[in-house]
């Protein structure tokens, strides 16, 4: 599954959507931790009828200064 947006190393929204679609089509089981491999590292998604939970590392990938 792909998403048309700027590239990120770990798209949590896309990972959650991919797992939800996989569960709804019977390719994965609801209520189980599903590992989604992305450029920035593994994301763990758990999808149920009540909620979707995303777990993964949060790291600084950019630091800068802007003028306004």
PDB file of N, CA and C in Angstrom:
ATOM      1  N   UNK A   1       0.848  -1.163   0.000  1.00  0.00           N
ATOM      2  CA  UNK A   1       0.000   0.000   0.000  1.00  0.00           C
ATOM      3  C   UNK A   1       0.894   1.226   0.000  1.00  0.00           C
ATOM      4  N   UNK A   2       0.578   2.214  -0.814  1.00  0.00           N
ATOM      5  CA  UNK A   2       1.342   3.452  -0.867  1.00  0.00           C
ATOM      6  C   UNK A   2       0.454   4.640  -0.560  1.00  0.00           C
ATOM      7  N   UNK A   3       1.088   5.707  -0.148  1.00  0.00           N
ATOM      8  CA  UNK A   3       0.367   6.949   0.134  1.00  0.00           C
ATOM      9  C   UNK A   3       1.032   8.067  -0.665  1.00  0.00           C
ATOM     10  N   UNK A   4       0.241   8.941  -1.266  1.00  0.00           N
ATOM     11  CA  UNK A   4       0.775  10.059  -2.019  1.00  0.00           C
ATOM     12  C   UNK A   4       0.907  11.249  -1.095  1.00  0.00           C
ATOM     13  N   UNK A   5       2.113  11.455  -0.592  1.00  0.00           N
ATOM     14  CA  UNK A   5       2.418  12.593   0.267  1.00  0.00           C
ATOM     15  C   UNK A   5       3.917  12.743   0.300  1.00  0.00           C
ATOM     16  N   UNK A   6       4.406  13.742   0.982  1.00  0.00           N
ATOM     17  CA  UNK A   6       5.856  13.875   1.060  1.00  0.00           C
ATOM     18  C   UNK A   6       6.432  12.659   1.764  1.00  0.00           C
ATOM     19  N   UNK A   7       7.632  12.301   1.380  1.00  0.00           N
ATOM     20  CA  UNK A   7       8.234  11.088   1.939  1.00  0.00           C
ATOM     21  C   UNK A   7       8.649  11.311   3.389  1.00  0.00           C
ATOM     22  N   UNK A   8       8.301  10.372   4.217  1.00  0.00           N
ATOM     23  CA  UNK A   8       8.756  10.351   5.598  1.00  0.00           C
ATOM     24  C   UNK A   8       9.377   8.987   5.851  1.00  0.00           C
ATOM     25  N   UNK A   9      10.181   8.895   6.887  1.00  0.00           N
ATOM     26  CA  UNK A   9      10.842   7.627   7.166  1.00  0.00           C
ATOM     27  C   UNK A   9       9.954   6.647   7.906  1.00  0.00           C
ATOM     28  N   UNK A  10       8.876   7.119   8.501  1.00  0.00           N
ATOM     29  CA  UNK A  10       7.982   6.224   9.237  1.00  0.00           C
ATOM     30  C   UNK A  10       6.582   6.833   9.254  1.00  0.00           C
ATOM     31  N   UNK A  11       5.820   6.568   8.232  1.00  0.00           N
ATOM     32  CA  UNK A  11       4.480   7.138   8.100  1.00  0.00           C
ATOM     33  C   UNK A  11       3.494   6.349   8.958  1.00  0.00           C
ATOM     34  N   UNK A  12       3.195   6.869  10.146  1.00  0.00           N
ATOM     35  CA  UNK A  12       2.288   6.185  11.058  1.00  0.00           C
ATOM     36  C   UNK A  12       0.877   6.070  10.512  1.00  0.00           C
ATOM     37  N   UNK A  13       0.414   7.113   9.838  1.00  0.00           N
ATOM     38  CA  UNK A  13      -0.929   7.078   9.263  1.00  0.00           C
ATOM     39  C   UNK A  13      -1.040   5.983   8.212  1.00  0.00           C
ATOM     40  N   UNK A  14      -0.038   5.894   7.347  1.00  0.00           N
ATOM     41  CA  UNK A  14      -0.037   4.864   6.316  1.00  0.00           C
ATOM     42  C   UNK A  14       0.077   3.465   6.891  1.00  0.00           C
ATOM     43  N   UNK A  15       0.899   3.309   7.936  1.00  0.00           N
ATOM     44  CA  UNK A  15       1.053   2.003   8.587  1.00  0.00           C
ATOM     45  C   UNK A  15      -0.273   1.552   9.197  1.00  0.00           C
ATOM     46  N   UNK A  16      -0.955   2.465   9.876  1.00  0.00           N
ATOM     47  CA  UNK A  16      -2.245   2.127  10.485  1.00  0.00           C
ATOM     48  C   UNK A  16      -3.280   1.782   9.421  1.00  0.00           C
ATOM     49  N   UNK A  17      -3.302   2.551   8.337  1.00  0.00           N
ATOM     50  CA  UNK A  17      -4.257   2.289   7.259  1.00  0.00           C
ATOM     51  C   UNK A  17      -3.982   0.937   6.601  1.00  0.00           C
ATOM     52  N   UNK A  18      -2.704   0.618   6.403  1.00  0.00           N
ATOM     53  CA  UNK A  18      -2.350  -0.656   5.778  1.00  0.00           C
ATOM     54  C   UNK A  18      -2.777  -1.833   6.655  1.00  0.00           C
ATOM     55  N   UNK A  19      -2.558  -1.727   7.958  1.00  0.00           N
ATOM     56  CA  UNK A  19      -2.953  -2.803   8.865  1.00  0.00           C
ATOM     57  C   UNK A  19      -4.473  -2.916   8.941  1.00  0.00           C
ATOM     58  N   UNK A  20      -5.176  -1.793   9.002  1.00  0.00           N
ATOM     59  CA  UNK A  20      -6.640  -1.833   9.031  1.00  0.00           C
ATOM     60  C   UNK A  20      -7.177  -2.523   7.778  1.00  0.00           C
ATOM     61  N   UNK A  21      -6.622  -2.173   6.619  1.00  0.00           N
ATOM     62  CA  UNK A  21      -7.061  -2.800   5.365  1.00  0.00           C
ATOM     63  C   UNK A  21      -6.740  -4.287   5.354  1.00  0.00           C
ATOM     64  N   UNK A  22      -5.553  -4.652   5.845  1.00  0.00           N
ATOM     65  CA  UNK A  22      -5.166  -6.064   5.877  1.00  0.00           C
ATOM     66  C   UNK A  22      -6.077  -6.860   6.806  1.00  0.00           C
ATOM     67  N   UNK A  23      -6.439  -6.286   7.934  1.00  0.00           N
ATOM     68  CA  UNK A  23      -7.343  -6.980   8.863  1.00  0.00           C
ATOM     69  C   UNK A  23      -8.747  -7.100   8.286  1.00  0.00           C
ATOM     70  N   UNK A  24      -9.230  -6.041   7.681  1.00  0.00           N
ATOM     71  CA  UNK A  24     -10.588  -6.050   7.134  1.00  0.00           C
ATOM     72  C   UNK A  24     -10.732  -7.002   5.945  1.00  0.00           C
ATOM     73  N   UNK A  25      -9.628  -7.297   5.267  1.00  0.00           N
ATOM     74  CA  UNK A  25      -9.688  -8.218   4.125  1.00  0.00           C
ATOM     75  C   UNK A  25      -9.223  -9.623   4.489  1.00  0.00           C
ATOM     76  N   UNK A  26      -8.982  -9.854   5.779  1.00  0.00           N
ATOM     77  CA  UNK A  26      -8.638 -11.193   6.245  1.00  0.00           C
ATOM     78  C   UNK A  26      -7.185 -11.602   6.077  1.00  0.00           C
ATOM     79  N   UNK A  27      -6.324 -10.667   5.728  1.00  0.00           N
ATOM     80  CA  UNK A  27      -4.911 -10.990   5.549  1.00  0.00           C
ATOM     81  C   UNK A  27      -4.137 -10.966   6.867  1.00  0.00           C
ATOM     82  N   UNK A  28      -4.650 -10.283   7.871  1.00  0.00           N
ATOM     83  CA  UNK A  28      -4.079 -10.245   9.222  1.00  0.00           C
ATOM     84  C   UNK A  28      -5.223 -10.397  10.219  1.00  0.00           C
ATOM     85  N   UNK A  29      -4.889 -10.767  11.428  1.00  0.00           N
ATOM     86  CA  UNK A  29      -5.908 -10.949  12.466  1.00  0.00           C
ATOM     87  C   UNK A  29      -6.052  -9.705  13.326  1.00  0.00           C
ATOM     88  N   UNK A  30      -7.291  -9.304  13.566  1.00  0.00           N
ATOM     89  CA  UNK A  30      -7.552  -8.182  14.470  1.00  0.00           C
ATOM     90  C   UNK A  30      -7.075  -8.536  15.870  1.00  0.00           C
ATOM     91  N   UNK A  31      -6.606  -7.521  16.599  1.00  0.00           N
ATOM     92  CA  UNK A  31      -6.202  -7.714  17.983  1.00  0.00           C
ATOM     93  C   UNK A  31      -4.798  -8.260  18.160  1.00  0.00           C
ATOM     94  N   UNK A  32      -4.070  -8.479  17.082  1.00  0.00           N
ATOM     95  CA  UNK A  32      -2.687  -8.958  17.162  1.00  0.00           C
ATOM     96  C   UNK A  32      -1.740  -7.825  16.796  1.00  0.00           C
ATOM     97  N   UNK A  33      -0.550  -7.825  17.404  1.00  0.00           N
ATOM     98  CA  UNK A  33       0.469  -6.855  17.028  1.00  0.00           C
ATOM     99  C   UNK A  33       1.007  -7.211  15.649  1.00  0.00           C
ATOM    100  N   UNK A  34       0.951  -6.245  14.728  1.00  0.00           N
ATOM    101  CA  UNK A  34       1.442  -6.422  13.371  1.00  0.00           C
ATOM    102  C   UNK A  34       2.653  -5.505  13.200  1.00  0.00           C
ATOM    103  N   UNK A  35       3.780  -6.052  12.773  1.00  0.00           N
ATOM    104  CA  UNK A  35       4.981  -5.256  12.535  1.00  0.00           C
ATOM    105  C   UNK A  35       4.963  -4.722  11.111  1.00  0.00           C
ATOM    106  N   UNK A  36       5.091  -3.412  10.988  1.00  0.00           N
ATOM    107  CA  UNK A  36       5.164  -2.753   9.685  1.00  0.00           C
ATOM    108  C   UNK A  36       6.589  -2.226   9.541  1.00  0.00           C
ATOM    109  N   UNK A  37       7.287  -2.676   8.515  1.00  0.00           N
ATOM    110  CA  UNK A  37       8.673  -2.276   8.298  1.00  0.00           C
ATOM    111  C   UNK A  37       8.702  -1.054   7.392  1.00  0.00           C
ATOM    112  N   UNK A  38       9.269   0.036   7.898  1.00  0.00           N
ATOM    113  CA  UNK A  38       9.406   1.279   7.146  1.00  0.00           C
ATOM    114  C   UNK A  38      10.860   1.731   7.230  1.00  0.00           C
ATOM    115  N   UNK A  39      11.222   2.708   6.397  1.00  0.00           N
ATOM    116  CA  UNK A  39      12.608   3.185   6.344  1.00  0.00           C
ATOM    117  C   UNK A  39      13.171   3.562   7.714  1.00  0.00           C
ATOM    118  N   UNK A  40      12.353   4.181   8.545  1.00  0.00           N
ATOM    119  CA  UNK A  40      12.816   4.671   9.842  1.00  0.00           C
ATOM    120  C   UNK A  40      12.864   3.611  10.925  1.00  0.00           C
ATOM    121  N   UNK A  41      12.451   2.397  10.641  1.00  0.00           N
ATOM    122  CA  UNK A  41      12.446   1.332  11.642  1.00  0.00           C
ATOM    123  C   UNK A  41      11.081   0.676  11.715  1.00  0.00           C
ATOM    124  N   UNK A  42      10.963  -0.306  12.561  1.00  0.00           N
ATOM    125  CA  UNK A  42       9.708  -1.055  12.677  1.00  0.00           C
ATOM    126  C   UNK A  42       8.650  -0.277  13.455  1.00  0.00           C
ATOM    127  N   UNK A  43       7.422  -0.341  12.968  1.00  0.00           N
ATOM    128  CA  UNK A  43       6.261   0.192  13.680  1.00  0.00           C
ATOM    129  C   UNK A  43       5.372  -0.993  14.049  1.00  0.00           C
ATOM    130  N   UNK A  44       4.802  -0.965  15.232  1.00  0.00           N
ATOM    131  CA  UNK A  44       3.895  -2.013  15.679  1.00  0.00           C
ATOM    132  C   UNK A  44       2.489  -1.431  15.695  1.00  0.00           C
ATOM    133  N   UNK A  45       1.577  -2.076  14.979  1.00  0.00           N
ATOM    134  CA  UNK A  45       0.190  -1.617  14.897  1.00  0.00           C
ATOM    135  C   UNK A  45      -0.721  -2.732  15.400  1.00  0.00           C
ATOM    136  N   UNK A  46      -1.673  -2.365  16.245  1.00  0.00           N
ATOM    137  CA  UNK A  46      -2.677  -3.306  16.734  1.00  0.00           C
ATOM    138  C   UNK A  46      -4.048  -2.718  16.424  1.00  0.00           C
ATOM    139  N   UNK A  47      -4.824  -3.435  15.621  1.00  0.00           N
ATOM    140  CA  UNK A  47      -6.131  -2.949  15.150  1.00  0.00           C
ATOM    141  C   UNK A  47      -7.242  -3.837  15.703  1.00  0.00           C
ATOM    142  N   UNK A  48      -8.242  -3.205  16.324  1.00  0.00           N
ATOM    143  CA  UNK A  48      -9.436  -3.921  16.784  1.00  0.00           C
ATOM    144  C   UNK A  48     -10.657  -3.150  16.295  1.00  0.00           C
ATOM    145  N   UNK A  49     -11.839  -3.664  16.615  1.00  0.00           N
ATOM    146  CA  UNK A  49     -13.061  -2.945  16.253  1.00  0.00           C
ATOM    147  C   UNK A  49     -13.219  -1.653  17.047  1.00  0.00           C
ATOM    148  N   UNK A  50     -12.546  -1.552  18.195  1.00  0.00           N
ATOM    149  CA  UNK A  50     -12.692  -0.386  19.064  1.00  0.00           C
ATOM    150  C   UNK A  50     -11.620   0.683  18.862  1.00  0.00           C
ATOM    151  N   UNK A  51     -10.397   0.263  18.490  1.00  0.00           N
ATOM    152  CA  UNK A  51      -9.316   1.247  18.400  1.00  0.00           C
ATOM    153  C   UNK A  51      -8.171   0.703  17.544  1.00  0.00           C
ATOM    154  N   UNK A  52      -7.257   1.610  17.242  1.00  0.00           N
ATOM    155  CA  UNK A  52      -6.016   1.228  16.568  1.00  0.00           C
ATOM    156  C   UNK A  52      -4.872   1.857  17.353  1.00  0.00           C
ATOM    157  N   UNK A  53      -3.848   1.052  17.648  1.00  0.00           N
ATOM    158  CA  UNK A  53      -2.732   1.516  18.465  1.00  0.00           C
ATOM    159  C   UNK A  53      -1.453   1.421  17.644  1.00  0.00           C
ATOM    160  N   UNK A  54      -0.670   2.493  17.665  1.00  0.00           N
ATOM    161  CA  UNK A  54       0.600   2.562  16.949  1.00  0.00           C
ATOM    162  C   UNK A  54       1.720   2.721  17.960  1.00  0.00           C
ATOM    163  N   UNK A  55       2.749   1.885  17.847  1.00  0.00           N
ATOM    164  CA  UNK A  55       3.899   1.957  18.729  1.00  0.00           C
ATOM    165  C   UNK A  55       5.166   1.956  17.888  1.00  0.00           C
ATOM    166  N   UNK A  56       6.106   2.805  18.253  1.00  0.00           N
ATOM    167  CA  UNK A  56       7.387   2.849  17.549  1.00  0.00           C
ATOM    168  C   UNK A  56       8.276   3.906  18.153  1.00  0.00           C
ATOM    169  N   UNK A  57       9.518   3.930  17.720  1.00  0.00           N
ATOM    170  CA  UNK A  57      10.469   4.909  18.237  1.00  0.00           C
ATOM    171  C   UNK A  57      10.169   6.302  17.697  1.00  0.00           C
ATOM    172  N   UNK A  58      10.490   7.299  18.497  1.00  0.00           N
ATOM    173  CA  UNK A  58      10.420   8.693  18.070  1.00  0.00           C
ATOM    174  C   UNK A  58      11.842   9.245  18.139  1.00  0.00           C
ATOM    175  N   UNK A  59      12.363   9.666  17.004  1.00  0.00           N
ATOM    176  CA  UNK A  59      13.727  10.173  16.957  1.00  0.00           C
ATOM    177  C   UNK A  59      13.770  11.494  16.200  1.00  0.00           C
ATOM    178  N   UNK A  60      14.715  12.330  16.557  1.00  0.00           N
ATOM    179  CA  UNK A  60      14.916  13.604  15.883  1.00  0.00           C
ATOM    180  C   UNK A  60      15.590  13.333  14.538  1.00  0.00           C
ATOM    181  N   UNK A  61      14.985  13.808  13.456  1.00  0.00           N
ATOM    182  CA  UNK A  61      15.568  13.610  12.132  1.00  0.00           C
ATOM    183  C   UNK A  61      15.962  14.912  11.469  1.00  0.00           C
ATOM    184  N   UNK A  62      15.630  16.041  12.083  1.00  0.00           N
ATOM    185  CA  UNK A  62      15.970  17.328  11.514  1.00  0.00           C
ATOM    186  C   UNK A  62      16.045  18.366  12.618  1.00  0.00           C
ATOM    187  N   UNK A  63      16.959  19.284  12.467  1.00  0.00           N
ATOM    188  CA  UNK A  63      17.086  20.397  13.397  1.00  0.00           C
ATOM    189  C   UNK A  63      17.441  21.614  12.561  1.00  0.00           C
ATOM    190  N   UNK A  64      16.799  22.728  12.790  1.00  0.00           N
ATOM    191  CA  UNK A  64      17.081  23.898  11.991  1.00  0.00           C
ATOM    192  C   UNK A  64      16.603  25.177  12.641  1.00  0.00           C
ATOM    193  N   UNK A  65      16.924  26.264  12.020  1.00  0.00           N
ATOM    194  CA  UNK A  65      16.519  27.593  12.492  1.00  0.00           C
ATOM    195  C   UNK A  65      15.870  28.307  11.319  1.00  0.00           C
ATOM    196  N   UNK A  66      14.790  29.004  11.595  1.00  0.00           N
ATOM    197  CA  UNK A  66      14.113  29.765  10.555  1.00  0.00           C
ATOM    198  C   UNK A  66      13.912  31.201  11.018  1.00  0.00           C
ATOM    199  N   UNK A  67      13.842  32.082  10.097  1.00  0.00           N
ATOM    200  CA  UNK A  67      13.581  33.498  10.403  1.00  0.00           C
ATOM    201  C   UNK A  67      12.154  33.824  10.014  1.00  0.00           C
ATOM    202  N   UNK A  68      11.531  34.671  10.791  1.00  0.00           N
ATOM    203  CA  UNK A  68      10.168  35.099  10.465  1.00  0.00           C
ATOM    204  C   UNK A  68       9.982  36.542  10.793  1.00  0.00           C
TER     205      UNK A  68
END
